[in-house]
Amino acid sequence: MSTRAKPHRMPGDLSKKDMLESMIRVDHAGEYGAVRIYEGQLAVLGKSADRPDIEHMADQERVHLAKFDDLIRKNRVRPTALMPLWHVAGFALGAGTALMGEKAAHACTVAVEEVIDEHYASQVSALDAEGDQQELRDTFEKFRLEELEHRDTALGKGAEDAPGYEVLKTAVKTGSKLAIWLSKRI
């Protein structure tokens, strides 16, 4: 018997089932978008010296996506209706920043991964409060740590030296937060 107090839900809060479905839906969309961002970067930076690092990050994102594909099926969660938009937008973001140069592509990675770190951390916290979703919680934490590795790799590759780094980073972070907000709901 657990001594942990279950979270008190307020009127208008999602039920536990709806909360878990929302988490799986938004993370599935996010990992799909991440794969598409890296595919866009690789399409432009195909012969770059940074290709092996970008491929490694893309491969990890594909593993994350496969896990969420499985969770979507097992839990009978409806994917976001915005998947066609994320298909195009993710690739365009990756390719667009790569066209600005390798450092801009890395700045994009830093921005996205910082948002995802915060997002996964809040989900881990919510699941800790629930106290009965250890496997899902551990998956989120493992993926969060891998996303931080991607951020650190991008920083090590000179992301902060990209022209207009702060503006680019802010724009990408804002777009990423909007994508999360929309994918939770639509």
C-alpha atoms as a PDB file:
ATOM      1  CA  MET A   1       0.000   0.000   0.000  1.00  0.00           C
ATOM      2  CA  SER A   2       1.422   3.343  -1.052  1.00  0.00           C
ATOM      3  CA  THR A   3       1.608   6.120   1.496  1.00  0.00           C
ATOM      4  CA  ARG A   4       1.979   8.730  -1.227  1.00  0.00           C
ATOM      5  CA  ALA A   5      -0.991  11.078  -1.422  1.00  0.00           C
ATOM      6  CA  LYS A   6      -2.585  11.106  -4.862  1.00  0.00           C
ATOM      7  CA  PRO A   7      -2.848  14.509  -6.514  1.00  0.00           C
ATOM      8  CA  HIS A   8      -6.081  16.357  -5.924  1.00  0.00           C
ATOM      9  CA  ARG A   9      -7.765  17.183  -9.182  1.00  0.00           C
ATOM     10  CA  MET A  10      -9.589  20.467  -9.446  1.00  0.00           C
ATOM     11  CA  PRO A  11     -12.720  21.017 -11.534  1.00  0.00           C
ATOM     12  CA  GLY A  12     -11.635  21.299 -15.151  1.00  0.00           C
ATOM     13  CA  ASP A  13      -8.447  19.273 -14.640  1.00  0.00           C
ATOM     14  CA  LEU A  14      -7.906  16.325 -16.918  1.00  0.00           C
ATOM     15  CA  SER A  15      -8.786  12.922 -15.552  1.00  0.00           C
ATOM     16  CA  LYS A  16      -5.809  10.640 -15.007  1.00  0.00           C
ATOM     17  CA  LYS A  17      -6.687   8.694 -18.171  1.00  0.00           C
ATOM     18  CA  ASP A  18      -6.999  11.892 -20.224  1.00  0.00           C
ATOM     19  CA  MET A  19      -3.742  13.222 -18.760  1.00  0.00           C
ATOM     20  CA  LEU A  20      -1.854  10.059 -19.736  1.00  0.00           C
ATOM     21  CA  GLU A  21      -3.367  10.085 -23.222  1.00  0.00           C
ATOM     22  CA  SER A  22      -2.403  13.735 -23.656  1.00  0.00           C
ATOM     23  CA  MET A  23       1.167  12.978 -22.562  1.00  0.00           C
ATOM     24  CA  ILE A  24       1.508  10.105 -25.003  1.00  0.00           C
ATOM     25  CA  ARG A  25      -0.138  12.074 -27.834  1.00  0.00           C
ATOM     26  CA  VAL A  26       2.064  15.148 -27.442  1.00  0.00           C
ATOM     27  CA  ASP A  27       5.277  13.169 -26.974  1.00  0.00           C
ATOM     28  CA  HIS A  28       4.505  11.035 -30.033  1.00  0.00           C
ATOM     29  CA  ALA A  29       4.030  14.233 -32.049  1.00  0.00           C
ATOM     30  CA  GLY A  30       7.188  15.768 -30.598  1.00  0.00           C
ATOM     31  CA  GLU A  31       9.380  12.793 -31.376  1.00  0.00           C
ATOM     32  CA  TYR A  32       7.944  12.660 -34.893  1.00  0.00           C
ATOM     33  CA  GLY A  33       8.710  16.344 -35.313  1.00  0.00           C
ATOM     34  CA  ALA A  34      12.251  15.813 -34.022  1.00  0.00           C
ATOM     35  CA  VAL A  35      12.865  13.049 -36.560  1.00  0.00           C
ATOM     36  CA  ARG A  36      11.635  15.370 -39.304  1.00  0.00           C
ATOM     37  CA  ILE A  37      13.872  18.236 -38.086  1.00  0.00           C
ATOM     38  CA  TYR A  38      16.944  16.016 -38.276  1.00  0.00           C
ATOM     39  CA  GLU A  39      15.857  14.677 -41.679  1.00  0.00           C
ATOM     40  CA  GLY A  40      15.641  18.275 -42.899  1.00  0.00           C
ATOM     41  CA  GLN A  41      19.076  19.060 -41.503  1.00  0.00           C
ATOM     42  CA  LEU A  42      20.568  15.954 -43.095  1.00  0.00           C
ATOM     43  CA  ALA A  43      18.991  16.780 -46.456  1.00  0.00           C
ATOM     44  CA  VAL A  44      20.897  20.070 -46.486  1.00  0.00           C
ATOM     45  CA  LEU A  45      24.047  19.138 -44.563  1.00  0.00           C
ATOM     46  CA  GLY A  46      24.420  15.710 -46.150  1.00  0.00           C
ATOM     47  CA  LYS A  47      28.173  15.907 -46.726  1.00  0.00           C
ATOM     48  CA  SER A  48      28.948  17.986 -43.651  1.00  0.00           C
ATOM     49  CA  ALA A  49      31.537  16.930 -41.105  1.00  0.00           C
ATOM     50  CA  ASP A  50      28.659  17.166 -38.575  1.00  0.00           C
ATOM     51  CA  ARG A  51      26.654  14.461 -40.371  1.00  0.00           C
ATOM     52  CA  PRO A  52      27.631  11.614 -37.988  1.00  0.00           C
ATOM     53  CA  ASP A  53      26.490  13.622 -34.954  1.00  0.00           C
ATOM     54  CA  ILE A  54      23.216  14.602 -36.606  1.00  0.00           C
ATOM     55  CA  GLU A  55      22.625  11.018 -37.744  1.00  0.00           C
ATOM     56  CA  HIS A  56      23.256   9.763 -34.200  1.00  0.00           C
ATOM     57  CA  MET A  57      20.721  12.229 -32.789  1.00  0.00           C
ATOM     58  CA  ALA A  58      18.226  11.327 -35.524  1.00  0.00           C
ATOM     59  CA  ASP A  59      18.675   7.631 -34.745  1.00  0.00           C
ATOM     60  CA  GLN A  60      17.935   8.259 -31.058  1.00  0.00           C
ATOM     61  CA  GLU A  61      14.834  10.242 -32.017  1.00  0.00           C
ATOM     62  CA  ARG A  62      13.695   7.320 -34.200  1.00  0.00           C
ATOM     63  CA  VAL A  63      14.012   5.015 -31.169  1.00  0.00           C
ATOM     64  CA  HIS A  64      11.951   7.491 -29.129  1.00  0.00           C
ATOM     65  CA  LEU A  65       9.345   7.673 -31.897  1.00  0.00           C
ATOM     66  CA  ALA A  66       9.147   3.877 -32.127  1.00  0.00           C
ATOM     67  CA  LYS A  67       8.468   3.725 -28.370  1.00  0.00           C
ATOM     68  CA  PHE A  68       5.676   6.275 -28.695  1.00  0.00           C
ATOM     69  CA  ASP A  69       4.268   4.478 -31.759  1.00  0.00           C
ATOM     70  CA  ASP A  70       4.047   1.423 -29.493  1.00  0.00           C
ATOM     71  CA  LEU A  71       2.469   3.403 -26.624  1.00  0.00           C
ATOM     72  CA  ILE A  72      -0.076   4.949 -29.016  1.00  0.00           C
ATOM     73  CA  ARG A  73      -1.130   1.458 -30.136  1.00  0.00           C
ATOM     74  CA  LYS A  74      -1.061  -0.241 -26.733  1.00  0.00           C
ATOM     75  CA  ASN A  75      -2.999   2.525 -25.004  1.00  0.00           C
ATOM     76  CA  ARG A  76      -5.331   3.199 -27.940  1.00  0.00           C
ATOM     77  CA  VAL A  77      -4.424   6.886 -27.947  1.00  0.00           C
ATOM     78  CA  ARG A  78      -5.506   9.009 -30.866  1.00  0.00           C
ATOM     79  CA  PRO A  79      -2.470  10.713 -32.424  1.00  0.00           C
ATOM     80  CA  THR A  80      -2.672  14.443 -32.898  1.00  0.00           C
ATOM     81  CA  ALA A  81      -4.615  15.500 -35.957  1.00  0.00           C
ATOM     82  CA  LEU A  82      -1.705  17.855 -36.684  1.00  0.00           C
ATOM     83  CA  MET A  83       0.718  15.129 -37.804  1.00  0.00           C
ATOM     84  CA  PRO A  84       0.614  16.288 -41.463  1.00  0.00           C
ATOM     85  CA  LEU A  85       1.548  19.787 -40.312  1.00  0.00           C
ATOM     86  CA  TRP A  86       4.411  18.505 -38.137  1.00  0.00           C
ATOM     87  CA  HIS A  87       5.600  16.400 -41.093  1.00  0.00           C
ATOM     88  CA  VAL A  88       6.099  19.525 -43.186  1.00  0.00           C
ATOM     89  CA  ALA A  89       6.986  21.988 -40.426  1.00  0.00           C
ATOM     90  CA  GLY A  90       9.607  19.738 -38.829  1.00  0.00           C
ATOM     91  CA  PHE A  91      11.413  19.142 -42.103  1.00  0.00           C
ATOM     92  CA  ALA A  92      11.160  22.819 -43.051  1.00  0.00           C
ATOM     93  CA  LEU A  93      12.582  23.907 -39.685  1.00  0.00           C
ATOM     94  CA  GLY A  94      15.493  21.491 -39.982  1.00  0.00           C
ATOM     95  CA  ALA A  95      16.238  22.314 -43.604  1.00  0.00           C
ATOM     96  CA  GLY A  96      15.684  26.047 -43.117  1.00  0.00           C
ATOM     97  CA  THR A  97      18.068  26.360 -40.218  1.00  0.00           C
ATOM     98  CA  ALA A  98      20.606  24.139 -41.973  1.00  0.00           C
ATOM     99  CA  LEU A  99      20.449  26.436 -45.016  1.00  0.00           C
ATOM    100  CA  MET A 100      21.514  29.216 -42.647  1.00  0.00           C
ATOM    101  CA  GLY A 101      24.591  27.147 -41.796  1.00  0.00           C
ATOM    102  CA  GLU A 102      25.716  24.336 -39.522  1.00  0.00           C
ATOM    103  CA  LYS A 103      25.809  26.566 -36.452  1.00  0.00           C
ATOM    104  CA  ALA A 104      22.221  27.703 -37.063  1.00  0.00           C
ATOM    105  CA  ALA A 105      21.134  24.065 -37.388  1.00  0.00           C
ATOM    106  CA  HIS A 106      22.801  23.398 -34.051  1.00  0.00           C
ATOM    107  CA  ALA A 107      21.116  26.482 -32.560  1.00  0.00           C
ATOM    108  CA  CYS A 108      17.793  24.978 -33.641  1.00  0.00           C
ATOM    109  CA  THR A 109      18.716  21.760 -31.840  1.00  0.00           C
ATOM    110  CA  VAL A 110      19.624  23.647 -28.664  1.00  0.00           C
ATOM    111  CA  ALA A 111      16.321  25.524 -28.683  1.00  0.00           C
ATOM    112  CA  VAL A 112      14.148  22.482 -29.322  1.00  0.00           C
ATOM    113  CA  GLU A 113      15.969  20.309 -26.794  1.00  0.00           C
ATOM    114  CA  GLU A 114      15.756  22.951 -24.051  1.00  0.00           C
ATOM    115  CA  VAL A 115      11.979  23.083 -24.495  1.00  0.00           C
ATOM    116  CA  ILE A 116      11.744  19.295 -24.546  1.00  0.00           C
ATOM    117  CA  ASP A 117      13.858  19.036 -21.385  1.00  0.00           C
ATOM    118  CA  GLU A 118      11.381  21.286 -19.557  1.00  0.00           C
ATOM    119  CA  HIS A 119       8.427  19.428 -21.076  1.00  0.00           C
ATOM    120  CA  TYR A 120       9.646  15.950 -20.116  1.00  0.00           C
ATOM    121  CA  ALA A 121      10.680  17.192 -16.653  1.00  0.00           C
ATOM    122  CA  SER A 122       7.154  18.476 -15.999  1.00  0.00           C
ATOM    123  CA  GLN A 123       5.708  15.163 -17.163  1.00  0.00           C
ATOM    124  CA  VAL A 124       8.086  13.231 -14.896  1.00  0.00           C
ATOM    125  CA  SER A 125       6.988  15.425 -12.004  1.00  0.00           C
ATOM    126  CA  ALA A 126       3.308  14.818 -12.775  1.00  0.00           C
ATOM    127  CA  LEU A 127       3.870  11.069 -12.977  1.00  0.00           C
ATOM    128  CA  ASP A 128       5.840  11.136  -9.727  1.00  0.00           C
ATOM    129  CA  ALA A 129       2.788  12.736  -8.116  1.00  0.00           C
ATOM    130  CA  GLU A 130       0.574   9.976  -9.509  1.00  0.00           C
ATOM    131  CA  GLY A 131       2.965   7.365  -8.141  1.00  0.00           C
ATOM    132  CA  ASP A 132       1.798   4.431 -10.251  1.00  0.00           C
ATOM    133  CA  GLN A 133       3.267   4.952 -13.717  1.00  0.00           C
ATOM    134  CA  GLN A 134       6.904   4.074 -13.031  1.00  0.00           C
ATOM    135  CA  GLU A 135       7.659   2.544 -16.430  1.00  0.00           C
ATOM    136  CA  LEU A 136       6.253   5.524 -18.340  1.00  0.00           C
ATOM    137  CA  ARG A 137       7.977   7.922 -15.945  1.00  0.00           C
ATOM    138  CA  ASP A 138      11.310   6.155 -16.465  1.00  0.00           C
ATOM    139  CA  THR A 139      10.860   6.276 -20.242  1.00  0.00           C
ATOM    140  CA  PHE A 140      10.260  10.025 -20.090  1.00  0.00           C
ATOM    141  CA  GLU A 141      13.311  10.529 -17.879  1.00  0.00           C
ATOM    142  CA  LYS A 142      15.564   8.400 -20.113  1.00  0.00           C
ATOM    143  CA  PHE A 143      14.454  10.321 -23.190  1.00  0.00           C
ATOM    144  CA  ARG A 144      14.841  13.657 -21.365  1.00  0.00           C
ATOM    145  CA  LEU A 145      18.471  12.833 -20.595  1.00  0.00           C
ATOM    146  CA  GLU A 146      19.119  11.860 -24.222  1.00  0.00           C
ATOM    147  CA  GLU A 147      17.583  15.148 -25.374  1.00  0.00           C
ATOM    148  CA  LEU A 148      19.988  16.977 -23.052  1.00  0.00           C
ATOM    149  CA  GLU A 149      22.863  15.081 -24.710  1.00  0.00           C
ATOM    150  CA  HIS A 150      21.635  16.408 -28.061  1.00  0.00           C
ATOM    151  CA  ARG A 151      21.598  19.959 -26.670  1.00  0.00           C
ATOM    152  CA  ASP A 152      25.103  19.535 -25.285  1.00  0.00           C
ATOM    153  CA  THR A 153      26.371  18.126 -28.586  1.00  0.00           C
ATOM    154  CA  ALA A 154      24.894  21.096 -30.447  1.00  0.00           C
ATOM    155  CA  LEU A 155      26.427  23.545 -27.983  1.00  0.00           C
ATOM    156  CA  GLY A 156      29.772  21.803 -28.437  1.00  0.00           C
ATOM    157  CA  LYS A 157      29.432  22.229 -32.209  1.00  0.00           C
ATOM    158  CA  GLY A 158      29.187  26.018 -31.880  1.00  0.00           C
ATOM    159  CA  ALA A 159      25.439  26.657 -31.748  1.00  0.00           C
ATOM    160  CA  GLU A 160      25.970  29.854 -29.776  1.00  0.00           C
ATOM    161  CA  ASP A 161      28.155  31.210 -32.597  1.00  0.00           C
ATOM    162  CA  ALA A 162      25.262  31.162 -35.070  1.00  0.00           C
ATOM    163  CA  PRO A 163      24.380  34.591 -36.438  1.00  0.00           C
ATOM    164  CA  GLY A 164      21.415  35.939 -34.485  1.00  0.00           C
ATOM    165  CA  TYR A 165      21.637  33.042 -32.019  1.00  0.00           C
ATOM    166  CA  GLU A 166      19.382  34.547 -29.339  1.00  0.00           C
ATOM    167  CA  VAL A 167      16.719  35.607 -31.848  1.00  0.00           C
ATOM    168  CA  LEU A 168      16.797  32.251 -33.614  1.00  0.00           C
ATOM    169  CA  LYS A 169      16.740  30.352 -30.339  1.00  0.00           C
ATOM    170  CA  THR A 170      13.804  32.392 -29.021  1.00  0.00           C
ATOM    171  CA  ALA A 171      11.823  31.918 -32.241  1.00  0.00           C
ATOM    172  CA  VAL A 172      12.392  28.155 -32.307  1.00  0.00           C
ATOM    173  CA  LYS A 173      11.578  27.807 -28.602  1.00  0.00           C
ATOM    174  CA  THR A 174       8.350  29.766 -29.058  1.00  0.00           C
ATOM    175  CA  GLY A 175       7.354  27.608 -32.011  1.00  0.00           C
ATOM    176  CA  SER A 176       8.186  24.437 -30.087  1.00  0.00           C
ATOM    177  CA  LYS A 177       6.064  25.512 -27.120  1.00  0.00           C
ATOM    178  CA  LEU A 178       3.180  26.316 -29.453  1.00  0.00           C
ATOM    179  CA  ALA A 179       3.508  22.899 -31.113  1.00  0.00           C
ATOM    180  CA  ILE A 180       3.357  21.222 -27.688  1.00  0.00           C
ATOM    181  CA  TRP A 181       0.315  23.251 -26.655  1.00  0.00           C
ATOM    182  CA  LEU A 182      -1.518  22.423 -29.902  1.00  0.00           C
ATOM    183  CA  SER A 183      -0.567  18.732 -29.959  1.00  0.00           C
ATOM    184  CA  LYS A 184      -1.882  18.194 -26.428  1.00  0.00           C
ATOM    185  CA  ARG A 185      -5.286  19.404 -27.537  1.00  0.00           C
ATOM    186  CA  ILE A 186      -5.798  18.647 -31.231  1.00  0.00           C
END
